[in-house]
PDB file of N, CA and C in Angstrom:
ATOM      1  N   UNK A   1       1.173  -1.197   0.208  1.00  0.00           N
ATOM      2  CA  UNK A   1       0.449   0.267  -0.026  1.00  0.00           C
ATOM      3  C   UNK A   1       0.778   1.737   0.032  1.00  0.00           C
ATOM      4  N   UNK A   2       0.142   2.056  -0.773  1.00  0.00           N
ATOM      5  CA  UNK A   2       1.374   3.744  -0.808  1.00  0.00           C
ATOM      6  C   UNK A   2       1.157   3.926   0.444  1.00  0.00           C
ATOM      7  N   UNK A   3       2.368   5.289   0.866  1.00  0.00           N
ATOM      8  CA  UNK A   3       1.885   5.909   1.903  1.00  0.00           C
ATOM      9  C   UNK A   3       1.251   6.885   1.731  1.00  0.00           C
ATOM     10  N   UNK A   4       0.909   7.704   0.284  1.00  0.00           N
ATOM     11  CA  UNK A   4      -0.062   8.823   0.096  1.00  0.00           C
ATOM     12  C   UNK A   4      -1.114   8.159  -0.414  1.00  0.00           C
ATOM     13  N   UNK A   5      -1.729   6.909  -0.329  1.00  0.00           N
ATOM     14  CA  UNK A   5      -2.400   6.869   0.100  1.00  0.00           C
ATOM     15  C   UNK A   5      -3.762   7.518   1.029  1.00  0.00           C
ATOM     16  N   UNK A   6      -4.931   7.968   1.381  1.00  0.00           N
ATOM     17  CA  UNK A   6      -5.458   8.240   2.047  1.00  0.00           C
ATOM     18  C   UNK A   6      -5.987   7.141   2.883  1.00  0.00           C
ATOM     19  N   UNK A   7      -5.690   5.642   2.814  1.00  0.00           N
ATOM     20  CA  UNK A   7      -6.732   5.366   3.835  1.00  0.00           C
ATOM     21  C   UNK A   7      -6.070   4.513   4.975  1.00  0.00           C
ATOM     22  N   UNK A   8      -6.860   3.575   5.547  1.00  0.00           N
ATOM     23  CA  UNK A   8      -6.034   3.290   6.717  1.00  0.00           C
ATOM     24  C   UNK A   8      -4.540   2.501   6.844  1.00  0.00           C
ATOM     25  N   UNK A   9      -3.544   2.787   7.440  1.00  0.00           N
ATOM     26  CA  UNK A   9      -2.530   2.314   6.822  1.00  0.00           C
ATOM     27  C   UNK A   9      -2.103   0.956   7.523  1.00  0.00           C
ATOM     28  N   UNK A  10      -2.894   0.571   8.270  1.00  0.00           N
ATOM     29  CA  UNK A  10      -2.996  -1.260   8.391  1.00  0.00           C
ATOM     30  C   UNK A  10      -3.084  -2.564   7.392  1.00  0.00           C
ATOM     31  N   UNK A  11      -4.751  -1.844   7.238  1.00  0.00           N
ATOM     32  CA  UNK A  11      -5.589  -2.579   6.437  1.00  0.00           C
ATOM     33  C   UNK A  11      -5.515  -1.983   4.811  1.00  0.00           C
ATOM     34  N   UNK A  12      -5.718  -0.992   4.957  1.00  0.00           N
ATOM     35  CA  UNK A  12      -5.870  -0.279   3.159  1.00  0.00           C
ATOM     36  C   UNK A  12      -7.621   0.130   3.179  1.00  0.00           C
ATOM     37  N   UNK A  13      -8.686  -0.654   3.658  1.00  0.00           N
ATOM     38  CA  UNK A  13      -9.702  -0.989   3.518  1.00  0.00           C
ATOM     39  C   UNK A  13     -10.509   0.360   4.172  1.00  0.00           C
ATOM     40  N   UNK A  14     -10.673   1.054   4.926  1.00  0.00           N
ATOM     41  CA  UNK A  14     -11.189   2.581   5.143  1.00  0.00           C
ATOM     42  C   UNK A  14     -10.762   3.373   5.056  1.00  0.00           C
ATOM     43  N   UNK A  15     -10.966   4.568   4.856  1.00  0.00           N
ATOM     44  CA  UNK A  15     -10.608   6.577   4.634  1.00  0.00           C
ATOM     45  C   UNK A  15     -10.249   6.387   5.755  1.00  0.00           C
ATOM     46  N   UNK A  16      -8.711   7.189   6.050  1.00  0.00           N
ATOM     47  CA  UNK A  16      -8.229   7.811   7.738  1.00  0.00           C
ATOM     48  C   UNK A  16      -9.001   9.021   7.685  1.00  0.00           C
ATOM     49  N   UNK A  17      -9.489   9.918   6.630  1.00  0.00           N
ATOM     50  CA  UNK A  17     -10.397  11.275   7.443  1.00  0.00           C
ATOM     51  C   UNK A  17     -12.014  10.903   7.358  1.00  0.00           C
ATOM     52  N   UNK A  18     -12.193  11.092   8.097  1.00  0.00           N
ATOM     53  CA  UNK A  18     -13.668  11.299   8.681  1.00  0.00           C
ATOM     54  C   UNK A  18     -14.221  12.631   7.706  1.00  0.00           C
ATOM     55  N   UNK A  19     -13.547  13.658   8.483  1.00  0.00           N
ATOM     56  CA  UNK A  19     -13.911  14.826   7.313  1.00  0.00           C
ATOM     57  C   UNK A  19     -13.207  15.508   6.229  1.00  0.00           C
ATOM     58  N   UNK A  20     -13.245  16.056   6.238  1.00  0.00           N
ATOM     59  CA  UNK A  20     -12.140  17.136   5.225  1.00  0.00           C
ATOM     60  C   UNK A  20     -10.873  16.669   5.566  1.00  0.00           C
ATOM     61  N   UNK A  21     -10.762  17.604   7.270  1.00  0.00           N
ATOM     62  CA  UNK A  21      -9.193  17.377   7.401  1.00  0.00           C
ATOM     63  C   UNK A  21      -9.102  16.769   8.892  1.00  0.00           C
ATOM     64  N   UNK A  22     -10.324  16.177   9.230  1.00  0.00           N
ATOM     65  CA  UNK A  22     -10.446  15.274  10.897  1.00  0.00           C
ATOM     66  C   UNK A  22      -9.902  13.915  10.377  1.00  0.00           C
ATOM     67  N   UNK A  23      -9.152  12.697  11.058  1.00  0.00           N
ATOM     68  CA  UNK A  23      -8.742  11.562  10.860  1.00  0.00           C
ATOM     69  C   UNK A  23      -9.796  10.908  11.972  1.00  0.00           C
ATOM     70  N   UNK A  24     -10.255   9.889  11.678  1.00  0.00           N
ATOM     71  CA  UNK A  24     -11.003   8.986  11.965  1.00  0.00           C
ATOM     72  C   UNK A  24     -10.094   8.810  13.640  1.00  0.00           C
ATOM     73  N   UNK A  25     -11.113   8.260  14.361  1.00  0.00           N
ATOM     74  CA  UNK A  25     -10.152   7.969  15.635  1.00  0.00           C
ATOM     75  C   UNK A  25      -9.950   6.386  15.792  1.00  0.00           C
ATOM     76  N   UNK A  26     -10.377   5.703  15.073  1.00  0.00           N
ATOM     77  CA  UNK A  26     -10.021   4.090  15.219  1.00  0.00           C
ATOM     78  C   UNK A  26     -10.229   3.636  13.473  1.00  0.00           C
ATOM     79  N   UNK A  27     -10.062   2.784  13.202  1.00  0.00           N
ATOM     80  CA  UNK A  27      -9.821   1.972  11.969  1.00  0.00           C
ATOM     81  C   UNK A  27     -11.407   1.170  11.830  1.00  0.00           C
ATOM     82  N   UNK A  28     -12.373   1.031  10.909  1.00  0.00           N
ATOM     83  CA  UNK A  28     -13.731   0.796  11.474  1.00  0.00           C
ATOM     84  C   UNK A  28     -13.245  -1.108  11.002  1.00  0.00           C
ATOM     85  N   UNK A  29     -12.450  -1.403   9.994  1.00  0.00           N
ATOM     86  CA  UNK A  29     -12.348  -2.921   9.772  1.00  0.00           C
ATOM     87  C   UNK A  29     -11.343  -3.764  10.585  1.00  0.00           C
ATOM     88  N   UNK A  30     -10.019  -2.868  10.713  1.00  0.00           N
ATOM     89  CA  UNK A  30      -8.732  -3.544  11.889  1.00  0.00           C
ATOM     90  C   UNK A  30      -8.950  -2.943  12.751  1.00  0.00           C
ATOM     91  N   UNK A  31      -9.685  -2.238  13.371  1.00  0.00           N
ATOM     92  CA  UNK A  31      -9.816  -1.572  14.836  1.00  0.00           C
ATOM     93  C   UNK A  31      -8.351  -0.275  15.327  1.00  0.00           C
ATOM     94  N   UNK A  32      -7.314  -0.810  14.391  1.00  0.00           N
ATOM     95  CA  UNK A  32      -6.273   0.051  14.428  1.00  0.00           C
ATOM     96  C   UNK A  32      -6.683   1.493  14.869  1.00  0.00           C
ATOM     97  N   UNK A  33      -6.168   2.452  16.134  1.00  0.00           N
ATOM     98  CA  UNK A  33      -6.390   3.618  17.268  1.00  0.00           C
ATOM     99  C   UNK A  33      -5.726   4.288  16.032  1.00  0.00           C
ATOM    100  N   UNK A  34      -6.352   5.141  15.593  1.00  0.00           N
ATOM    101  CA  UNK A  34      -5.627   6.352  14.648  1.00  0.00           C
ATOM    102  C   UNK A  34      -5.176   7.473  15.516  1.00  0.00           C
ATOM    103  N   UNK A  35      -6.020   7.825  16.058  1.00  0.00           N
ATOM    104  CA  UNK A  35      -6.407   9.060  16.749  1.00  0.00           C
ATOM    105  C   UNK A  35      -5.085   9.222  18.102  1.00  0.00           C
ATOM    106  N   UNK A  36      -4.660   8.348  18.014  1.00  0.00           N
ATOM    107  CA  UNK A  36      -3.531   8.499  18.821  1.00  0.00           C
ATOM    108  C   UNK A  36      -1.809   8.655  17.654  1.00  0.00           C
ATOM    109  N   UNK A  37      -2.021   8.590  16.791  1.00  0.00           N
ATOM    110  CA  UNK A  37      -0.887   9.132  15.831  1.00  0.00           C
ATOM    111  C   UNK A  37      -1.331  10.458  15.296  1.00  0.00           C
ATOM    112  N   UNK A  38      -0.714  11.248  16.031  1.00  0.00           N
ATOM    113  CA  UNK A  38      -0.983  12.818  15.889  1.00  0.00           C
ATOM    114  C   UNK A  38       0.060  13.084  14.385  1.00  0.00           C
ATOM    115  N   UNK A  39      -0.127  13.257  13.698  1.00  0.00           N
ATOM    116  CA  UNK A  39       1.109  14.387  13.398  1.00  0.00           C
ATOM    117  C   UNK A  39       1.647  15.271  13.697  1.00  0.00           C
ATOM    118  N   UNK A  40       0.481  16.640  14.385  1.00  0.00           N
ATOM    119  CA  UNK A  40       1.239  17.215  14.837  1.00  0.00           C
ATOM    120  C   UNK A  40       1.262  18.709  13.709  1.00  0.00           C
ATOM    121  N   UNK A  41       2.265  19.490  14.394  1.00  0.00           N
ATOM    122  CA  UNK A  41       2.312  20.652  13.195  1.00  0.00           C
ATOM    123  C   UNK A  41       3.259  20.802  11.452  1.00  0.00           C
ATOM    124  N   UNK A  42       3.577  19.160  11.259  1.00  0.00           N
ATOM    125  CA  UNK A  42       4.440  19.376  10.269  1.00  0.00           C
ATOM    126  C   UNK A  42       3.793  18.977   9.182  1.00  0.00           C
ATOM    127  N   UNK A  43       2.228  18.722   8.685  1.00  0.00           N
ATOM    128  CA  UNK A  43       1.711  18.585   8.008  1.00  0.00           C
ATOM    129  C   UNK A  43       1.336  20.216   7.137  1.00  0.00           C
ATOM    130  N   UNK A  44       1.081  20.974   8.670  1.00  0.00           N
ATOM    131  CA  UNK A  44       1.381  22.154   8.666  1.00  0.00           C
ATOM    132  C   UNK A  44       2.118  23.222   7.749  1.00  0.00           C
ATOM    133  N   UNK A  45       3.474  22.773   8.891  1.00  0.00           N
ATOM    134  CA  UNK A  45       4.535  23.346   8.211  1.00  0.00           C
ATOM    135  C   UNK A  45       4.788  23.558   6.611  1.00  0.00           C
ATOM    136  N   UNK A  46       4.659  21.895   6.117  1.00  0.00           N
ATOM    137  CA  UNK A  46       4.840  21.459   5.008  1.00  0.00           C
ATOM    138  C   UNK A  46       4.339  22.413   3.627  1.00  0.00           C
ATOM    139  N   UNK A  47       2.744  22.390   4.486  1.00  0.00           N
ATOM    140  CA  UNK A  47       1.858  22.951   3.215  1.00  0.00           C
ATOM    141  C   UNK A  47       1.918  24.703   3.165  1.00  0.00           C
ATOM    142  N   UNK A  48       2.425  25.205   4.079  1.00  0.00           N
ATOM    143  CA  UNK A  48       2.936  26.579   4.298  1.00  0.00           C
ATOM    144  C   UNK A  48       4.122  26.696   3.391  1.00  0.00           C
ATOM    145  N   UNK A  49       4.661  25.988   3.629  1.00  0.00           N
ATOM    146  CA  UNK A  49       6.375  26.523   2.917  1.00  0.00           C
ATOM    147  C   UNK A  49       5.830  26.069   1.231  1.00  0.00           C
ATOM    148  N   UNK A  50       5.509  24.908   1.115  1.00  0.00           N
ATOM    149  CA  UNK A  50       5.137  25.024  -0.074  1.00  0.00           C
ATOM    150  C   UNK A  50       4.233  25.238  -1.310  1.00  0.00           C
ATOM    151  N   UNK A  51       2.658  25.930  -0.565  1.00  0.00           N
ATOM    152  CA  UNK A  51       1.761  26.629  -1.014  1.00  0.00           C
ATOM    153  C   UNK A  51       2.506  28.277  -1.319  1.00  0.00           C
ATOM    154  N   UNK A  52       2.892  28.293  -0.189  1.00  0.00           N
ATOM    155  CA  UNK A  52       3.691  29.619  -0.173  1.00  0.00           C
ATOM    156  C   UNK A  52       4.578  30.306  -1.188  1.00  0.00           C
ATOM    157  N   UNK A  53       5.511  29.207  -1.511  1.00  0.00           N
ATOM    158  CA  UNK A  53       6.444  29.455  -2.586  1.00  0.00           C
ATOM    159  C   UNK A  53       5.931  29.369  -4.107  1.00  0.00           C
ATOM    160  N   UNK A  54       4.943  28.210  -4.052  1.00  0.00           N
ATOM    161  CA  UNK A  54       4.636  28.158  -5.535  1.00  0.00           C
ATOM    162  C   UNK A  54       3.378  29.037  -5.878  1.00  0.00           C
ATOM    163  N   UNK A  55       2.584  30.100  -4.802  1.00  0.00           N
ATOM    164  CA  UNK A  55       1.607  31.148  -5.598  1.00  0.00           C
ATOM    165  C   UNK A  55       2.614  32.147  -4.956  1.00  0.00           C
ATOM    166  N   UNK A  56       3.454  32.623  -4.222  1.00  0.00           N
ATOM    167  CA  UNK A  56       4.468  33.699  -4.327  1.00  0.00           C
ATOM    168  C   UNK A  56       5.015  34.085  -5.735  1.00  0.00           C
ATOM    169  N   UNK A  57       5.547  32.738  -6.139  1.00  0.00           N
ATOM    170  CA  UNK A  57       6.173  32.170  -7.643  1.00  0.00           C
ATOM    171  C   UNK A  57       5.995  33.099  -8.593  1.00  0.00           C
ATOM    172  N   UNK A  58       4.056  32.334  -8.414  1.00  0.00           N
ATOM    173  CA  UNK A  58       3.549  32.223  -9.374  1.00  0.00           C
ATOM    174  C   UNK A  58       3.406  33.926  -9.875  1.00  0.00           C
ATOM    175  N   UNK A  59       2.598  34.300  -8.640  1.00  0.00           N
ATOM    176  CA  UNK A  59       2.001  35.513  -8.278  1.00  0.00           C
ATOM    177  C   UNK A  59       2.799  36.597  -8.717  1.00  0.00           C
ATOM    178  N   UNK A  60       4.622  36.600  -8.588  1.00  0.00           N
ATOM    179  CA  UNK A  60       5.672  37.328  -9.259  1.00  0.00           C
ATOM    180  C   UNK A  60       5.848  37.064 -10.589  1.00  0.00           C
ATOM    181  N   UNK A  61       6.089  36.171 -11.035  1.00  0.00           N
ATOM    182  CA  UNK A  61       5.858  35.766 -12.638  1.00  0.00           C
ATOM    183  C   UNK A  61       4.129  36.634 -13.200  1.00  0.00           C
ATOM    184  N   UNK A  62       3.598  36.274 -13.004  1.00  0.00           N
ATOM    185  CA  UNK A  62       1.980  37.086 -13.531  1.00  0.00           C
ATOM    186  C   UNK A  62       2.443  38.456 -13.326  1.00  0.00           C
ATOM    187  N   UNK A  63       3.109  38.951 -12.302  1.00  0.00           N
ATOM    188  CA  UNK A  63       2.756  40.168 -12.027  1.00  0.00           C
ATOM    189  C   UNK A  63       4.183  41.012 -13.304  1.00  0.00           C
ATOM    190  N   UNK A  64       5.131  40.401 -13.245  1.00  0.00           N
ATOM    191  CA  UNK A  64       6.107  40.989 -14.238  1.00  0.00           C
ATOM    192  C   UNK A  64       6.017  40.828 -15.162  1.00  0.00           C
ATOM    193  N   UNK A  65       5.178  39.631 -16.021  1.00  0.00           N
ATOM    194  CA  UNK A  65       5.092  39.467 -17.303  1.00  0.00           C
ATOM    195  C   UNK A  65       3.774  40.185 -18.127  1.00  0.00           C
ATOM    196  N   UNK A  66       2.938  40.558 -16.947  1.00  0.00           N
ATOM    197  CA  UNK A  66       1.658  41.226 -17.809  1.00  0.00           C
ATOM    198  C   UNK A  66       0.862  42.709 -16.537  1.00  0.00           C
ATOM    199  N   UNK A  67       1.621  42.825 -15.434  1.00  0.00           N
ATOM    200  CA  UNK A  67       0.800  43.327 -14.695  1.00  0.00           C
ATOM    201  C   UNK A  67      -0.770  43.584 -14.574  1.00  0.00           C
ATOM    202  N   UNK A  68      -1.489  42.822 -13.905  1.00  0.00           N
ATOM    203  CA  UNK A  68      -3.041  42.559 -14.472  1.00  0.00           C
ATOM    204  C   UNK A  68      -3.511  43.381 -12.888  1.00  0.00           C
ATOM    205  N   UNK A  69      -4.005  43.826 -13.267  1.00  0.00           N
ATOM    206  CA  UNK A  69      -4.910  44.483 -11.836  1.00  0.00           C
ATOM    207  C   UNK A  69      -5.225  43.614 -10.871  1.00  0.00           C
ATOM    208  N   UNK A  70      -5.423  44.303  -9.558  1.00  0.00           N
ATOM    209  CA  UNK A  70      -5.437  43.158  -8.306  1.00  0.00           C
ATOM    210  C   UNK A  70      -6.580  42.521  -8.507  1.00  0.00           C
ATOM    211  N   UNK A  71      -7.822  42.394  -9.091  1.00  0.00           N
ATOM    212  CA  UNK A  71      -9.009  41.406  -9.066  1.00  0.00           C
ATOM    213  C   UNK A  71      -8.290  40.508  -9.230  1.00  0.00           C
ATOM    214  N   UNK A  72      -7.221  40.422 -10.446  1.00  0.00           N
ATOM    215  CA  UNK A  72      -7.390  39.564 -11.542  1.00  0.00           C
ATOM    216  C   UNK A  72      -6.085  38.387 -10.159  1.00  0.00           C
ATOM    217  N   UNK A  73      -5.218  38.765  -9.916  1.00  0.00           N
ATOM    218  CA  UNK A  73      -4.233  38.280  -8.636  1.00  0.00           C
ATOM    219  C   UNK A  73      -5.454  37.858  -7.872  1.00  0.00           C
ATOM    220  N   UNK A  74      -6.008  38.301  -7.362  1.00  0.00           N
ATOM    221  CA  UNK A  74      -7.182  37.967  -5.908  1.00  0.00           C
ATOM    222  C   UNK A  74      -7.746  36.516  -7.107  1.00  0.00           C
ATOM    223  N   UNK A  75      -8.564  36.864  -7.980  1.00  0.00           N
ATOM    224  CA  UNK A  75      -9.302  35.942  -8.129  1.00  0.00           C
ATOM    225  C   UNK A  75      -8.308  34.327  -8.529  1.00  0.00           C
ATOM    226  N   UNK A  76      -7.449  34.597  -8.856  1.00  0.00           N
ATOM    227  CA  UNK A  76      -5.847  33.909  -9.621  1.00  0.00           C
ATOM    228  C   UNK A  76      -5.541  32.987  -8.154  1.00  0.00           C
ATOM    229  N   UNK A  77      -4.992  33.629  -7.371  1.00  0.00           N
ATOM    230  CA  UNK A  77      -4.502  33.433  -5.797  1.00  0.00           C
ATOM    231  C   UNK A  77      -4.766  32.856  -5.410  1.00  0.00           C
ATOM    232  N   UNK A  78      -6.285  33.465  -4.915  1.00  0.00           N
ATOM    233  CA  UNK A  78      -7.188  33.203  -3.498  1.00  0.00           C
ATOM    234  C   UNK A  78      -7.614  31.676  -3.386  1.00  0.00           C
ATOM    235  N   UNK A  79      -7.661  31.085  -4.650  1.00  0.00           N
ATOM    236  CA  UNK A  79      -8.419  29.662  -4.235  1.00  0.00           C
ATOM    237  C   UNK A  79      -7.310  29.155  -4.472  1.00  0.00           C
ATOM    238  N   UNK A  80      -6.668  28.946  -5.606  1.00  0.00           N
ATOM    239  CA  UNK A  80      -5.329  28.275  -5.578  1.00  0.00           C
ATOM    240  C   UNK A  80      -4.716  28.204  -3.931  1.00  0.00           C
ATOM    241  N   UNK A  81      -4.581  28.985  -2.940  1.00  0.00           N
ATOM    242  CA  UNK A  81      -4.353  29.185  -1.824  1.00  0.00           C
ATOM    243  C   UNK A  81      -4.951  28.471  -0.825  1.00  0.00           C
ATOM    244  N   UNK A  82      -6.657  28.293  -1.162  1.00  0.00           N
ATOM    245  CA  UNK A  82      -7.201  27.077   0.206  1.00  0.00           C
ATOM    246  C   UNK A  82      -6.807  25.943  -0.663  1.00  0.00           C
ATOM    247  N   UNK A  83      -7.114  25.820  -2.571  1.00  0.00           N
ATOM    248  CA  UNK A  83      -7.103  24.555  -2.492  1.00  0.00           C
ATOM    249  C   UNK A  83      -5.863  23.752  -2.262  1.00  0.00           C
ATOM    250  N   UNK A  84      -5.060  24.656  -2.680  1.00  0.00           N
ATOM    251  CA  UNK A  84      -3.617  23.595  -2.317  1.00  0.00           C
ATOM    252  C   UNK A  84      -3.072  23.857  -0.996  1.00  0.00           C
ATOM    253  N   UNK A  85      -3.837  24.498  -0.039  1.00  0.00           N
ATOM    254  CA  UNK A  85      -3.548  24.500   1.390  1.00  0.00           C
ATOM    255  C   UNK A  85      -3.856  23.638   1.636  1.00  0.00           C
ATOM    256  N   UNK A  86      -5.707  23.023   1.329  1.00  0.00           N
ATOM    257  CA  UNK A  86      -5.906  21.748   2.185  1.00  0.00           C
ATOM    258  C   UNK A  86      -5.527  20.471   1.105  1.00  0.00           C
ATOM    259  N   UNK A  87      -4.970  20.308   0.141  1.00  0.00           N
ATOM    260  CA  UNK A  87      -4.757  19.454  -0.689  1.00  0.00           C
ATOM    261  C   UNK A  87      -3.150  19.160   0.025  1.00  0.00           C
ATOM    262  N   UNK A  88      -2.525  20.181   0.143  1.00  0.00           N
ATOM    263  CA  UNK A  88      -1.301  19.615   0.953  1.00  0.00           C
ATOM    264  C   UNK A  88      -1.077  19.087   2.577  1.00  0.00           C
ATOM    265  N   UNK A  89      -2.157  19.638   2.889  1.00  0.00           N
ATOM    266  CA  UNK A  89      -2.541  18.835   4.571  1.00  0.00           C
ATOM    267  C   UNK A  89      -3.110  17.399   4.156  1.00  0.00           C
ATOM    268  N   UNK A  90      -3.637  17.475   3.344  1.00  0.00           N
ATOM    269  CA  UNK A  90      -3.913  15.807   3.252  1.00  0.00           C
ATOM    270  C   UNK A  90      -3.586  14.910   3.251  1.00  0.00           C
ATOM    271  N   UNK A  91      -2.574  15.531   2.085  1.00  0.00           N
ATOM    272  CA  UNK A  91      -1.005  14.518   1.630  1.00  0.00           C
ATOM    273  C   UNK A  91      -0.051  14.345   2.768  1.00  0.00           C
ATOM    274  N   UNK A  92       0.066  15.543   3.676  1.00  0.00           N
ATOM    275  CA  UNK A  92       1.287  15.146   4.528  1.00  0.00           C
ATOM    276  C   UNK A  92       0.670  14.454   5.835  1.00  0.00           C
ATOM    277  N   UNK A  93      -0.428  15.387   6.202  1.00  0.00           N
ATOM    278  CA  UNK A  93      -0.998  14.302   7.231  1.00  0.00           C
ATOM    279  C   UNK A  93      -1.302  12.802   6.842  1.00  0.00           C
ATOM    280  N   UNK A  94      -1.358  12.610   5.245  1.00  0.00           N
ATOM    281  CA  UNK A  94      -2.056  11.124   5.246  1.00  0.00           C
ATOM    282  C   UNK A  94      -0.459  10.531   5.412  1.00  0.00           C
ATOM    283  N   UNK A  95       0.747  10.749   5.083  1.00  0.00           N
ATOM    284  CA  UNK A  95       1.855  10.302   5.121  1.00  0.00           C
ATOM    285  C   UNK A  95       2.573  10.772   6.280  1.00  0.00           C
ATOM    286  N   UNK A  96       2.472  11.613   7.023  1.00  0.00           N
ATOM    287  CA  UNK A  96       2.932  11.578   7.878  1.00  0.00           C
ATOM    288  C   UNK A  96       2.704   9.986   9.292  1.00  0.00           C
ATOM    289  N   UNK A  97       1.362  10.193   9.296  1.00  0.00           N
ATOM    290  CA  UNK A  97       0.675   9.220   9.857  1.00  0.00           C
ATOM    291  C   UNK A  97       0.356   7.817   9.872  1.00  0.00           C
ATOM    292  N   UNK A  98       0.645   7.050   8.421  1.00  0.00           N
ATOM    293  CA  UNK A  98       0.622   6.728   7.925  1.00  0.00           C
ATOM    294  C   UNK A  98       2.731   6.031   8.352  1.00  0.00           C
ATOM    295  N   UNK A  99       3.811   7.135   7.684  1.00  0.00           N
ATOM    296  CA  UNK A  99       4.605   6.670   8.136  1.00  0.00           C
ATOM    297  C   UNK A  99       5.000   6.384   9.938  1.00  0.00           C
ATOM    298  N   UNK A 100       4.383   6.645  10.869  1.00  0.00           N
ATOM    299  CA  UNK A 100       4.015   6.774  12.110  1.00  0.00           C
ATOM    300  C   UNK A 100       3.146   5.539  12.286  1.00  0.00           C
ATOM    301  N   UNK A 101       2.404   4.600  11.869  1.00  0.00           N
ATOM    302  CA  UNK A 101       2.401   3.644  11.967  1.00  0.00           C
ATOM    303  C   UNK A 101       2.663   2.776  11.728  1.00  0.00           C
ATOM    304  N   UNK A 102       3.246   2.313  10.767  1.00  0.00           N
ATOM    305  CA  UNK A 102       4.386   1.450  10.399  1.00  0.00           C
ATOM    306  C   UNK A 102       5.671   1.938  11.314  1.00  0.00           C
ATOM    307  N   UNK A 103       6.205   3.092  11.570  1.00  0.00           N
ATOM    308  CA  UNK A 103       6.996   2.725  12.478  1.00  0.00           C
ATOM    309  C   UNK A 103       6.683   2.199  13.806  1.00  0.00           C
ATOM    310  N   UNK A 104       5.675   2.792  13.905  1.00  0.00           N
ATOM    311  CA  UNK A 104       5.639   1.697  15.541  1.00  0.00           C
ATOM    312  C   UNK A 104       5.060   0.315  15.489  1.00  0.00           C
ATOM    313  N   UNK A 105       4.599  -0.063  14.367  1.00  0.00           N
ATOM    314  CA  UNK A 105       4.554  -1.833  14.195  1.00  0.00           C
ATOM    315  C   UNK A 105       5.831  -2.392  14.054  1.00  0.00           C
ATOM    316  N   UNK A 106       7.112  -1.725  14.127  1.00  0.00           N
ATOM    317  CA  UNK A 106       8.354  -2.477  14.099  1.00  0.00           C
ATOM    318  C   UNK A 106       8.843  -2.537  14.791  1.00  0.00           C
ATOM    319  N   UNK A 107       8.493  -1.780  15.862  1.00  0.00           N
ATOM    320  CA  UNK A 107       9.058  -1.470  17.635  1.00  0.00           C
ATOM    321  C   UNK A 107       8.564  -2.862  18.759  1.00  0.00           C
TER     322      UNK A 107
END
């Protein structure tokens, strides 16, 4: 099973997330306690760094090439910031929780 698949790290059957960013407390299929595996601030840090870099680079390039009005920047970058942040948070939260589960199983 992939480290980036948002499924239970143990059985791979049930979804990892109960809602957009909330992780299930336990797997319904195998009973793995997912609530005790906390990713902490790691996913947030990676999301801020990656999305911030991409948006600032993109905004700088667009501003340099065409100098559009401010509303164009708002229409382009605000949705990209929110969508990219949620995508990165889910991706890195899945990765870190799966990695933590696999490393704790080896002990």
